[in-house]
Amino acid sequence: MSIIFTASPPKDCSKKGHNQFFHHLKSNRKLLLSLSGLIFSLLSISFLIWVIFHPTDPKFYLKDLSARNSTISTTFISKNPNSHASIYYDKLHVYLAYAGVQITPDVVLPPFNQGQLDSDILSANLVGPTGMQSAAAGTAMKLMSVNLKIEGNLRWKVGPWLSGWYKLEVDCLTVLMSRPGLPVPVSSVQGAQCSTNS
């Protein structure tokens, strides 16, 4: 019996499946690390963009509030302080509150858009309150703190991205001067800044 030698020894087949398993595990690990890095990078970029372009709340200023007969005329300024975002306003309504209670019916403002760094002058005529007559009665002259309230919805537009609707609440504190015998207080206010929440 003769032994035949070949140029290369026969392969050990017992380790073939074992090597393939580690090879697949190594390639899957590289793929998983690559995907994790990509997701982390995208999240970091998104967070950075949100921090840089996060819109600031609009500013409101009460320019004038005056009462004549049974009508209270209000004029206020809305300013968009953002240089990178536009604002869409909708369902805005204005009313007066005294001691935390609404004392005039709502006046609805039409929806409007406000461009970057734009300012708009808005006005509303409110029907004079009747609930304040008793508070003003019996005095020659009385000062009363009232709040001009603006409530509604807004959304932001940054480039092609448009946000969902956010609740807008504006509160302008002012003082009305009342006189007996008049159906509504009489006042003229200028330059009052308002607080804004959205």
Protein backbone atom coordinates (compact mmCIF):
# COMPACT_ATOMS: atom_id res chain seq x y z
CA MET A 1 0.00 0.00 0.00
CA SER A 2 1.39 3.33 -1.00
CA ILE A 3 0.65 6.77 0.43
CA ILE A 4 -0.09 9.56 -2.01
CA PHE A 5 1.05 13.05 -1.01
CA THR A 6 -0.59 16.11 -2.52
CA ALA A 7 0.83 19.59 -2.89
CA SER A 8 -1.50 21.07 -0.26
CA PRO A 9 -2.91 19.34 2.76
CA PRO A 10 -6.67 18.76 2.82
CA LYS A 11 -8.77 21.54 4.44
CA ASP A 12 -10.18 21.01 7.86
CA CYS A 13 -13.95 21.17 7.28
CA SER A 14 -14.79 21.08 10.96
CA LYS A 15 -13.98 24.82 11.40
CA LYS A 16 -15.69 26.08 8.23
CA GLY A 17 -19.08 26.89 9.79
CA HIS A 18 -17.40 28.41 12.85
CA ASN A 19 -15.38 30.89 10.74
CA GLN A 20 -18.41 31.89 8.67
CA PHE A 21 -20.36 32.66 11.83
CA PHE A 22 -17.63 35.01 13.13
CA HIS A 23 -17.23 36.57 9.69
CA HIS A 24 -20.98 37.41 9.51
CA LEU A 25 -20.93 38.66 13.10
CA LYS A 26 -18.00 40.94 12.32
CA SER A 27 -19.64 42.38 9.19
CA ASN A 28 -23.00 42.85 11.02
CA ARG A 29 -21.17 44.63 13.80
CA LYS A 30 -19.59 47.05 11.33
CA LEU A 31 -23.00 47.68 9.75
CA LEU A 32 -24.58 48.24 13.17
CA LEU A 33 -21.84 50.69 14.18
CA SER A 34 -22.22 52.56 10.88
CA LEU A 35 -26.01 52.83 11.29
CA SER A 36 -25.66 53.96 14.91
CA GLY A 37 -23.18 56.65 13.89
CA LEU A 38 -25.48 57.86 11.10
CA ILE A 39 -28.51 58.02 13.42
CA PHE A 40 -26.49 59.84 16.09
CA SER A 41 -25.22 62.36 13.51
CA LEU A 42 -28.75 63.01 12.20
CA LEU A 43 -30.10 63.50 15.72
CA SER A 44 -27.23 65.86 16.58
CA ILE A 45 -27.80 67.92 13.43
CA SER A 46 -31.57 68.05 14.09
CA PHE A 47 -31.01 69.21 17.68
CA LEU A 48 -28.51 71.85 16.54
CA ILE A 49 -30.94 73.16 13.91
CA TRP A 50 -33.74 73.26 16.51
CA VAL A 51 -31.53 75.22 18.96
CA ILE A 52 -30.40 77.70 16.30
CA PHE A 53 -33.77 78.22 14.62
CA HIS A 54 -36.11 77.79 17.61
CA PRO A 55 -38.60 80.68 17.20
CA THR A 56 -39.05 83.32 19.87
CA ASP A 57 -42.57 84.20 21.03
CA PRO A 58 -44.13 87.20 19.27
CA LYS A 59 -44.23 90.53 21.11
CA PHE A 60 -47.44 92.51 21.65
CA TYR A 61 -47.74 96.14 22.75
CA LEU A 62 -50.92 97.94 23.72
CA LYS A 63 -50.69 101.19 21.78
CA ASP A 64 -54.03 102.74 22.71
CA LEU A 65 -57.16 101.90 24.68
CA SER A 66 -59.92 104.49 24.88
CA ALA A 67 -63.62 104.42 25.68
CA ARG A 68 -66.34 106.54 24.13
CA ASN A 69 -70.04 106.08 24.82
CA SER A 70 -70.52 102.31 24.93
CA THR A 71 -67.50 101.30 22.83
CA ILE A 72 -63.93 100.65 23.92
CA SER A 73 -61.46 101.05 21.07
CA THR A 74 -58.20 99.15 21.29
CA THR A 75 -55.11 99.37 19.11
CA PHE A 76 -52.14 97.11 19.63
CA ILE A 77 -48.98 96.17 17.78
CA SER A 78 -47.90 92.62 17.02
CA LYS A 79 -44.19 92.12 16.29
CA ASN A 80 -42.40 89.02 15.01
CA PRO A 81 -38.87 89.18 16.55
CA ASN A 82 -37.59 86.21 14.49
CA SER A 83 -35.27 86.75 11.53
CA HIS A 84 -35.69 83.16 10.32
CA ALA A 85 -39.35 82.30 11.01
CA SER A 86 -42.73 83.56 9.82
CA ILE A 87 -45.88 83.35 11.97
CA TYR A 88 -49.41 82.32 10.99
CA TYR A 89 -52.17 83.57 13.34
CA ASP A 90 -55.66 82.08 13.42
CA LYS A 91 -58.80 82.24 15.61
CA LEU A 92 -57.58 85.30 17.51
CA HIS A 93 -60.17 86.89 19.77
CA VAL A 94 -59.88 89.94 22.00
CA TYR A 95 -61.73 90.81 25.20
CA LEU A 96 -61.40 92.77 28.45
CA ALA A 97 -61.17 91.12 31.86
CA TYR A 98 -61.66 92.75 35.25
CA ALA A 99 -60.64 90.97 38.47
CA GLY A 100 -60.08 87.79 36.48
CA VAL A 101 -63.57 87.81 34.93
CA GLN A 102 -64.32 88.47 31.26
CA ILE A 103 -66.42 91.66 31.07
CA THR A 104 -66.78 92.22 27.31
CA PRO A 105 -67.87 89.88 24.53
CA ASP A 106 -65.14 88.43 22.30
CA VAL A 107 -64.18 90.28 19.13
CA VAL A 108 -62.73 87.91 16.53
CA LEU A 109 -59.79 89.11 14.45
CA PRO A 110 -59.26 87.81 10.90
CA PRO A 111 -56.38 85.34 10.39
CA PHE A 112 -53.15 86.85 9.10
CA ASN A 113 -49.52 86.02 8.33
CA GLN A 114 -46.56 87.87 9.74
CA GLY A 115 -43.21 87.79 7.94
CA GLN A 116 -39.78 87.78 9.48
CA LEU A 117 -39.15 90.84 11.71
CA ASP A 118 -42.51 92.31 10.61
CA SER A 119 -44.85 94.41 12.75
CA ASP A 120 -48.61 94.74 12.31
CA ILE A 121 -51.07 97.21 13.83
CA LEU A 122 -54.30 95.51 14.94
CA SER A 123 -57.45 97.11 16.28
CA ALA A 124 -60.72 95.97 17.80
CA ASN A 125 -63.84 97.74 19.05
CA LEU A 126 -65.22 96.13 22.19
CA VAL A 127 -68.75 96.62 23.47
CA GLY A 128 -68.60 98.47 26.78
CA PRO A 129 -68.80 96.38 29.95
CA THR A 130 -71.84 96.58 32.18
CA GLY A 131 -70.38 94.61 35.08
CA MET A 132 -68.02 97.45 35.98
CA GLN A 133 -70.72 100.07 36.57
CA SER A 134 -71.36 98.83 40.08
CA ALA A 135 -67.63 98.85 40.80
CA ALA A 136 -67.40 102.48 39.74
CA ALA A 137 -70.56 103.67 41.49
CA GLY A 138 -70.43 105.91 44.51
CA THR A 139 -67.06 107.53 43.82
CA ALA A 140 -66.11 110.74 42.11
CA MET A 141 -63.30 109.02 40.20
CA LYS A 142 -61.84 105.54 40.42
CA LEU A 143 -58.88 103.76 38.85
CA MET A 144 -59.40 100.13 37.91
CA SER A 145 -56.86 97.61 36.65
CA VAL A 146 -58.17 95.70 33.65
CA ASN A 147 -56.57 93.18 31.32
CA LEU A 148 -56.83 93.25 27.58
CA LYS A 149 -56.66 89.59 26.58
CA ILE A 150 -55.83 88.14 23.17
CA GLU A 151 -56.20 84.40 22.69
CA GLY A 152 -55.92 82.18 19.65
CA ASN A 153 -53.58 79.92 17.71
CA LEU A 154 -50.29 80.37 15.92
CA ARG A 155 -47.83 78.27 14.00
CA TRP A 156 -44.28 78.83 12.81
CA LYS A 157 -42.83 78.56 9.30
CA VAL A 158 -39.06 78.07 9.11
CA GLY A 159 -38.00 77.60 5.49
CA PRO A 160 -40.14 74.80 4.05
CA TRP A 161 -41.01 73.44 7.53
CA LEU A 162 -44.41 74.38 9.01
CA SER A 163 -45.11 73.59 12.66
CA GLY A 164 -48.35 72.42 14.21
CA TRP A 165 -50.74 74.83 15.93
CA TYR A 166 -49.73 76.33 19.29
CA LYS A 167 -51.97 78.13 21.77
CA LEU A 168 -51.32 81.87 22.02
CA GLU A 169 -52.22 83.89 25.12
CA VAL A 170 -51.49 87.61 25.41
CA ASP A 171 -52.20 89.65 28.54
CA CYS A 172 -51.96 93.46 28.55
CA LEU A 173 -52.43 95.07 31.96
CA THR A 174 -53.74 98.62 31.94
CA VAL A 175 -55.60 101.05 34.19
CA LEU A 176 -58.99 102.56 33.34
CA MET A 177 -60.30 105.72 34.95
CA SER A 178 -64.02 105.57 35.72
CA ARG A 179 -66.47 108.37 36.42
CA PRO A 180 -69.97 108.05 37.88
CA GLY A 181 -72.85 108.47 35.45
CA LEU A 182 -70.91 107.15 32.45
CA PRO A 183 -71.81 103.70 31.10
CA VAL A 184 -68.15 102.74 30.61
CA PRO A 185 -64.83 103.85 32.09
CA VAL A 186 -62.82 106.42 30.15
CA SER A 187 -59.12 105.99 29.60
CA SER A 188 -56.30 106.55 27.17
CA VAL A 189 -53.28 104.29 27.42
CA GLN A 190 -50.08 104.35 25.40
CA GLY A 191 -46.99 102.15 25.29
CA ALA A 192 -48.02 99.27 27.59
CA GLN A 193 -46.08 96.05 26.95
CA CYS A 194 -47.92 92.75 27.15
CA SER A 195 -46.88 89.29 28.33
CA THR A 196 -47.06 86.53 25.71
CA ASN A 197 -47.26 82.76 26.14
CA SER A 198 -47.27 80.25 23.30
